[in-house]
Amino acid sequence: MNTRKTPQAAVLAQAAQMDWLSDLPTQALSAAHTLQWLHAWAELGWLRRLDSALPAQLLRLDANTSPAVLVATAVLAQMEGRGHTCLAVQSLATPPGDWLGGSAQALHAPQGLLALWAHMPQDTAAWLTALQAAPPACLRLADAPDLGQPLVLGGSADAPLLYLRRYRAYEERVGQSLLQRAQSALPVPEVLARQWLDRFFAEPTPSGDAPEAPTDWQKWACAVALRAHLSVITGGPGTGKTYTAARLLALLLALHDGPQPLARGLGRAHRQSGSAAQAVD
């Protein structure tokens, strides 16, 4: 005999265990009920068990953690599982089905997304206020000392972001490394660099009545990149990003003895650096 519950039966069984739902219009949602709600979602497969376990940990850290903070934490954990490093607080103020997805049951069941969201803050400012009022043991602001709080509230006033502590630390580490690289300059043998740049990039021919040749921005990009530990070359399709990167790699090979670590793993630009170098032989 198959005793496995159908999805509909499972939803009804969970709803029966949450008989306090009928009292919610006249009483505020408690943290304990919120946690039971999130656990029910995990039982139904609408969240991972990890997603409901994290808010449970917050409630153990401080019993005064609000329902809004518990829900935001569960959603943050769910989004992390989908590959996101943080949660835009603004998204919490939009219909949850638009960004969390889910079946019609997950949205419209008595204990579904829409039912819970009816008891949550209704705009970004209210969500932000709720998060800022979280117990100090659970959440810190990005510029506050790290005392091991699981959550970090960062971003800007216009676009606040909620992070898990580990991912905020990763972002800070990457940002500091990029900033350090961007602020330090490399010595460049200018005479030799100019010779190679002129060989790689033929002087543009003036067109029409223009008194001067147009600026060769690809050549400028290479010249600037030679001085930096970090360079970003951008442009739309067909603007010559790969062409420029290939010549930059060839320039580095020409100006410095030995293999350049930069030339490893850059795919098409790396492969084309050989033809770029051959063009000046």
Protein backbone atom coordinates (compact mmCIF):
# COMPACT_ATOMS: atom_id res chain seq x y z
CA MET A 1 0.00 0.00 0.00
CA ASN A 2 1.41 3.38 -1.00
CA THR A 3 1.16 5.76 1.96
CA ARG A 4 3.19 8.55 0.37
CA LYS A 5 1.34 11.85 0.44
CA THR A 6 0.52 13.70 -2.74
CA PRO A 7 1.76 17.31 -2.94
CA GLN A 8 -1.79 18.55 -2.30
CA ALA A 9 -2.19 16.25 0.70
CA ALA A 10 1.18 17.37 2.08
CA VAL A 11 0.13 21.03 1.82
CA LEU A 12 -3.15 20.33 3.60
CA ALA A 13 -1.36 18.35 6.33
CA GLN A 14 1.04 21.20 6.95
CA ALA A 15 -1.81 23.70 7.01
CA ALA A 16 -3.59 21.57 9.63
CA GLN A 17 -0.52 21.78 11.85
CA MET A 18 -0.61 25.57 11.50
CA ASP A 19 -4.15 26.07 12.80
CA TRP A 20 -3.07 29.40 14.29
CA LEU A 21 -3.12 30.84 10.76
CA SER A 22 -6.82 31.67 11.15
CA ASP A 23 -6.00 33.92 14.11
CA LEU A 24 -3.39 35.99 12.31
CA PRO A 25 -5.69 38.78 11.06
CA THR A 26 -6.26 39.75 14.70
CA GLN A 27 -2.88 38.94 16.20
CA ALA A 28 0.67 39.73 15.18
CA LEU A 29 2.87 37.06 13.68
CA SER A 30 5.33 35.82 16.29
CA ALA A 31 8.92 34.76 15.72
CA ALA A 32 8.06 31.19 16.78
CA HIS A 33 5.20 31.01 14.29
CA THR A 34 7.42 32.48 11.57
CA LEU A 35 10.00 29.79 12.18
CA GLN A 36 7.31 27.11 12.06
CA TRP A 37 6.14 28.61 8.77
CA LEU A 38 9.65 28.45 7.30
CA HIS A 39 10.13 24.87 8.52
CA ALA A 40 6.85 23.95 6.83
CA TRP A 41 8.14 25.36 3.57
CA ALA A 42 11.28 23.25 3.94
CA GLU A 43 9.16 20.13 4.60
CA LEU A 44 7.20 20.84 1.42
CA GLY A 45 10.37 21.37 -0.61
CA TRP A 46 9.73 25.08 -1.17
CA LEU A 47 12.95 25.89 0.71
CA ARG A 48 16.04 23.88 1.52
CA ARG A 49 16.29 22.66 5.10
CA LEU A 50 19.42 24.79 5.39
CA ASP A 51 17.35 27.86 4.49
CA SER A 52 15.07 27.37 7.49
CA ALA A 53 17.91 26.25 9.79
CA LEU A 54 19.73 29.59 9.52
CA PRO A 55 16.83 31.70 10.90
CA ALA A 56 16.45 29.10 13.66
CA GLN A 57 20.07 29.78 14.58
CA LEU A 58 19.37 33.52 14.70
CA LEU A 59 16.48 32.92 17.08
CA ARG A 60 18.79 30.90 19.31
CA LEU A 61 21.27 33.79 19.30
CA ASP A 62 18.56 36.25 20.33
CA ALA A 63 14.94 35.41 21.06
CA ASN A 64 13.95 38.98 20.14
CA THR A 65 14.79 38.50 16.46
CA SER A 66 11.82 39.81 14.48
CA PRO A 67 9.79 37.77 11.96
CA ALA A 68 10.94 40.06 9.14
CA VAL A 69 14.61 39.37 9.93
CA LEU A 70 13.94 35.61 10.08
CA VAL A 71 12.20 35.65 6.69
CA ALA A 72 14.90 37.82 5.10
CA THR A 73 17.52 35.40 6.42
CA ALA A 74 15.76 32.36 4.96
CA VAL A 75 15.39 34.10 1.59
CA LEU A 76 19.06 35.17 1.67
CA ALA A 77 20.13 31.57 2.28
CA GLN A 78 17.88 30.39 -0.55
CA MET A 79 19.34 32.96 -2.96
CA GLU A 80 22.87 31.99 -1.93
CA GLY A 81 21.99 28.44 -2.93
CA ARG A 82 21.04 29.78 -6.36
CA GLY A 83 24.45 31.40 -6.79
CA HIS A 84 23.81 34.92 -5.49
CA THR A 85 26.30 36.53 -3.08
CA CYS A 86 23.79 38.89 -1.48
CA LEU A 87 20.12 39.87 -1.37
CA ALA A 88 18.86 43.23 -2.59
CA VAL A 89 16.57 44.55 0.16
CA GLN A 90 14.45 46.21 -2.53
CA SER A 91 13.46 42.80 -3.87
CA LEU A 92 11.83 41.91 -0.55
CA ALA A 93 9.31 44.70 -1.15
CA THR A 94 8.18 43.21 -4.48
CA PRO A 95 5.82 40.25 -5.02
CA PRO A 96 7.83 37.18 -3.94
CA GLY A 97 6.64 35.08 -6.84
CA ASP A 98 8.40 37.45 -9.25
CA TRP A 99 11.86 36.52 -7.99
CA LEU A 100 11.51 33.44 -5.79
CA GLY A 101 9.29 31.64 -8.25
CA GLY A 102 7.52 28.50 -7.12
CA SER A 103 4.39 26.57 -8.01
CA ALA A 104 0.84 27.88 -7.70
CA GLN A 105 0.57 25.96 -4.43
CA ALA A 106 3.72 27.60 -3.08
CA LEU A 107 2.25 31.00 -3.87
CA HIS A 108 -1.43 30.61 -3.00
CA ALA A 109 -1.67 27.87 -0.36
CA PRO A 110 -2.88 28.95 3.11
CA GLN A 111 0.73 28.80 4.28
CA GLY A 112 2.22 29.95 0.96
CA LEU A 113 4.41 32.86 -0.03
CA LEU A 114 1.65 35.40 -0.48
CA ALA A 115 0.07 34.56 2.87
CA LEU A 116 3.36 35.10 4.71
CA TRP A 117 4.23 38.25 2.77
CA ALA A 118 0.96 39.82 3.92
CA HIS A 119 2.55 40.00 7.39
CA MET A 120 5.89 41.36 6.21
CA PRO A 121 7.01 45.01 5.71
CA GLN A 122 5.35 46.45 2.63
CA ASP A 123 8.11 48.67 1.20
CA THR A 124 11.89 48.90 1.07
CA ALA A 125 12.12 51.53 3.81
CA ALA A 126 10.12 49.35 6.21
CA TRP A 127 12.26 46.30 5.40
CA LEU A 128 15.41 48.34 5.94
CA THR A 129 14.12 49.61 9.29
CA ALA A 130 13.36 46.06 10.39
CA LEU A 131 16.83 44.84 9.42
CA GLN A 132 18.55 47.80 11.10
CA ALA A 133 16.66 46.97 14.30
CA ALA A 134 17.93 43.37 14.31
CA PRO A 135 19.69 42.27 17.52
CA PRO A 136 23.43 43.11 17.54
CA ALA A 137 24.27 39.43 17.95
CA CYS A 138 22.59 38.64 14.62
CA LEU A 139 23.40 41.50 12.26
CA ARG A 140 25.95 44.28 11.89
CA LEU A 141 26.27 47.19 9.53
CA ALA A 142 29.05 46.84 6.96
CA ASP A 143 31.17 49.55 8.62
CA ALA A 144 30.75 48.15 12.15
CA PRO A 145 33.24 45.80 13.86
CA ASP A 146 32.96 42.16 12.87
CA LEU A 147 32.07 40.25 16.04
CA GLY A 148 30.96 37.13 14.24
CA GLN A 149 27.40 38.22 13.42
CA PRO A 150 25.92 35.92 10.74
CA LEU A 151 24.39 38.80 8.75
CA VAL A 152 25.87 42.00 7.34
CA LEU A 153 23.83 44.94 6.02
CA GLY A 154 25.76 46.81 3.35
CA GLY A 155 25.26 48.42 -0.04
CA SER A 156 24.12 52.04 -0.18
CA ALA A 157 21.21 54.04 1.20
CA ASP A 158 19.49 53.79 -2.18
CA ALA A 159 20.32 50.13 -2.77
CA PRO A 160 20.86 48.28 0.55
CA LEU A 161 22.18 44.73 0.36
CA LEU A 162 21.97 41.89 2.87
CA TYR A 163 24.94 39.50 3.04
CA LEU A 164 25.92 36.35 4.81
CA ARG A 165 29.06 37.21 6.79
CA ARG A 166 31.32 34.93 4.76
CA TYR A 167 30.31 36.39 1.40
CA ARG A 168 30.66 39.95 2.64
CA ALA A 169 34.20 39.06 3.75
CA TYR A 170 34.93 37.60 0.31
CA GLU A 171 33.68 40.75 -1.39
CA GLU A 172 35.75 43.00 0.88
CA ARG A 173 38.86 40.89 0.26
CA VAL A 174 38.43 41.03 -3.52
CA GLY A 175 37.67 44.75 -3.41
CA GLN A 176 40.74 45.55 -1.33
CA SER A 177 42.92 43.50 -3.65
CA LEU A 178 41.55 45.23 -6.75
CA LEU A 179 41.95 48.66 -5.17
CA GLN A 180 45.55 47.90 -4.20
CA ARG A 181 46.35 46.75 -7.72
CA ALA A 182 44.63 49.73 -9.32
CA GLN A 183 46.53 52.24 -7.17
CA SER A 184 50.03 50.89 -7.84
CA ALA A 185 51.93 51.69 -11.04
CA LEU A 186 54.46 49.58 -12.94
CA PRO A 187 57.73 50.96 -14.33
CA VAL A 188 57.71 51.04 -18.12
CA PRO A 189 60.71 51.40 -20.47
CA GLU A 190 59.08 54.30 -22.30
CA VAL A 191 61.34 54.50 -25.38
CA LEU A 192 61.11 50.78 -26.08
CA ALA A 193 57.36 50.76 -25.32
CA ARG A 194 56.77 53.59 -27.80
CA GLN A 195 58.67 51.72 -30.50
CA TRP A 196 56.63 48.57 -30.01
CA LEU A 197 53.35 50.49 -29.83
CA ASP A 198 54.14 52.21 -33.13
CA ARG A 199 54.92 48.83 -34.72
CA PHE A 200 51.71 47.22 -33.48
CA PHE A 201 49.44 50.15 -34.27
CA ALA A 202 49.96 51.85 -37.61
CA GLU A 203 49.47 55.63 -37.49
CA PRO A 204 45.87 56.42 -38.59
CA THR A 205 45.52 58.41 -41.79
CA PRO A 206 43.70 61.77 -41.50
CA SER A 207 40.34 61.74 -43.26
CA GLY A 208 38.73 64.59 -45.20
CA ASP A 209 39.56 68.05 -43.91
CA ALA A 210 40.55 66.83 -40.45
CA PRO A 211 43.86 68.49 -39.51
CA GLU A 212 44.91 65.53 -37.34
CA ALA A 213 44.55 61.78 -37.48
CA PRO A 214 41.80 60.38 -35.23
CA THR A 215 42.85 59.12 -31.82
CA ASP A 216 43.74 55.44 -31.79
CA TRP A 217 42.00 54.43 -28.56
CA GLN A 218 43.22 50.84 -28.82
CA LYS A 219 46.79 52.08 -28.80
CA TRP A 220 46.01 54.35 -25.85
CA ALA A 221 44.42 51.45 -23.97
CA CYS A 222 47.57 49.37 -24.38
CA ALA A 223 49.83 52.26 -23.37
CA VAL A 224 47.83 52.89 -20.17
CA ALA A 225 47.55 49.18 -19.36
CA LEU A 226 51.34 48.78 -19.47
CA ARG A 227 51.61 50.94 -16.36
CA ALA A 228 48.97 49.17 -14.29
CA HIS A 229 48.65 45.97 -12.28
CA LEU A 230 44.96 46.07 -13.15
CA SER A 231 43.29 47.30 -16.33
CA VAL A 232 39.75 47.04 -17.64
CA ILE A 233 39.19 47.29 -21.38
CA THR A 234 35.55 47.65 -22.36
CA GLY A 235 33.59 48.14 -25.53
CA GLY A 236 30.63 46.88 -27.47
CA PRO A 237 30.66 43.97 -29.92
CA GLY A 238 33.12 44.44 -32.76
CA THR A 239 35.04 47.33 -31.16
CA GLY A 240 38.30 45.39 -31.01
CA LYS A 241 38.60 44.22 -27.40
CA THR A 242 40.19 40.91 -28.37
CA TYR A 243 42.43 42.65 -30.93
CA THR A 244 43.60 45.09 -28.25
CA ALA A 245 44.12 42.41 -25.58
CA ALA A 246 46.15 40.28 -28.01
CA ARG A 247 48.49 43.20 -28.74
CA LEU A 248 48.77 44.05 -25.08
CA LEU A 249 49.93 40.50 -24.33
CA ALA A 250 52.43 40.70 -27.16
CA LEU A 251 53.67 44.04 -25.81
CA LEU A 252 54.24 42.53 -22.39
CA LEU A 253 56.15 39.64 -23.92
CA ALA A 254 58.26 42.07 -25.96
CA LEU A 255 59.06 44.41 -23.05
CA HIS A 256 59.81 41.84 -20.35
CA ASP A 257 62.05 38.82 -20.30
CA GLY A 258 60.53 35.44 -19.59
CA PRO A 259 56.93 34.18 -19.71
CA GLN A 260 54.17 36.46 -18.44
CA PRO A 261 51.65 34.95 -16.01
CA LEU A 262 49.04 37.31 -17.47
CA ALA A 263 49.17 35.42 -20.74
CA ARG A 264 47.86 32.19 -19.20
CA GLY A 265 44.22 31.23 -19.42
CA LEU A 266 42.94 34.18 -21.43
CA GLY A 267 41.43 32.05 -24.17
CA ARG A 268 41.06 33.67 -27.56
CA ALA A 269 43.13 36.76 -26.68
CA HIS A 270 45.99 34.51 -25.54
CA ARG A 271 45.85 32.43 -28.71
CA GLN A 272 45.80 35.53 -30.89
CA SER A 273 48.84 37.04 -29.17
CA GLY A 274 50.98 34.72 -31.28
CA SER A 275 49.65 36.16 -34.53
CA ALA A 276 49.98 39.68 -33.09
CA ALA A 277 53.62 39.08 -32.34
CA GLN A 278 54.19 37.60 -35.81
CA ALA A 279 52.74 40.75 -37.37
CA VAL A 280 55.78 42.75 -36.28
CA ASP A 281 58.47 40.20 -37.11
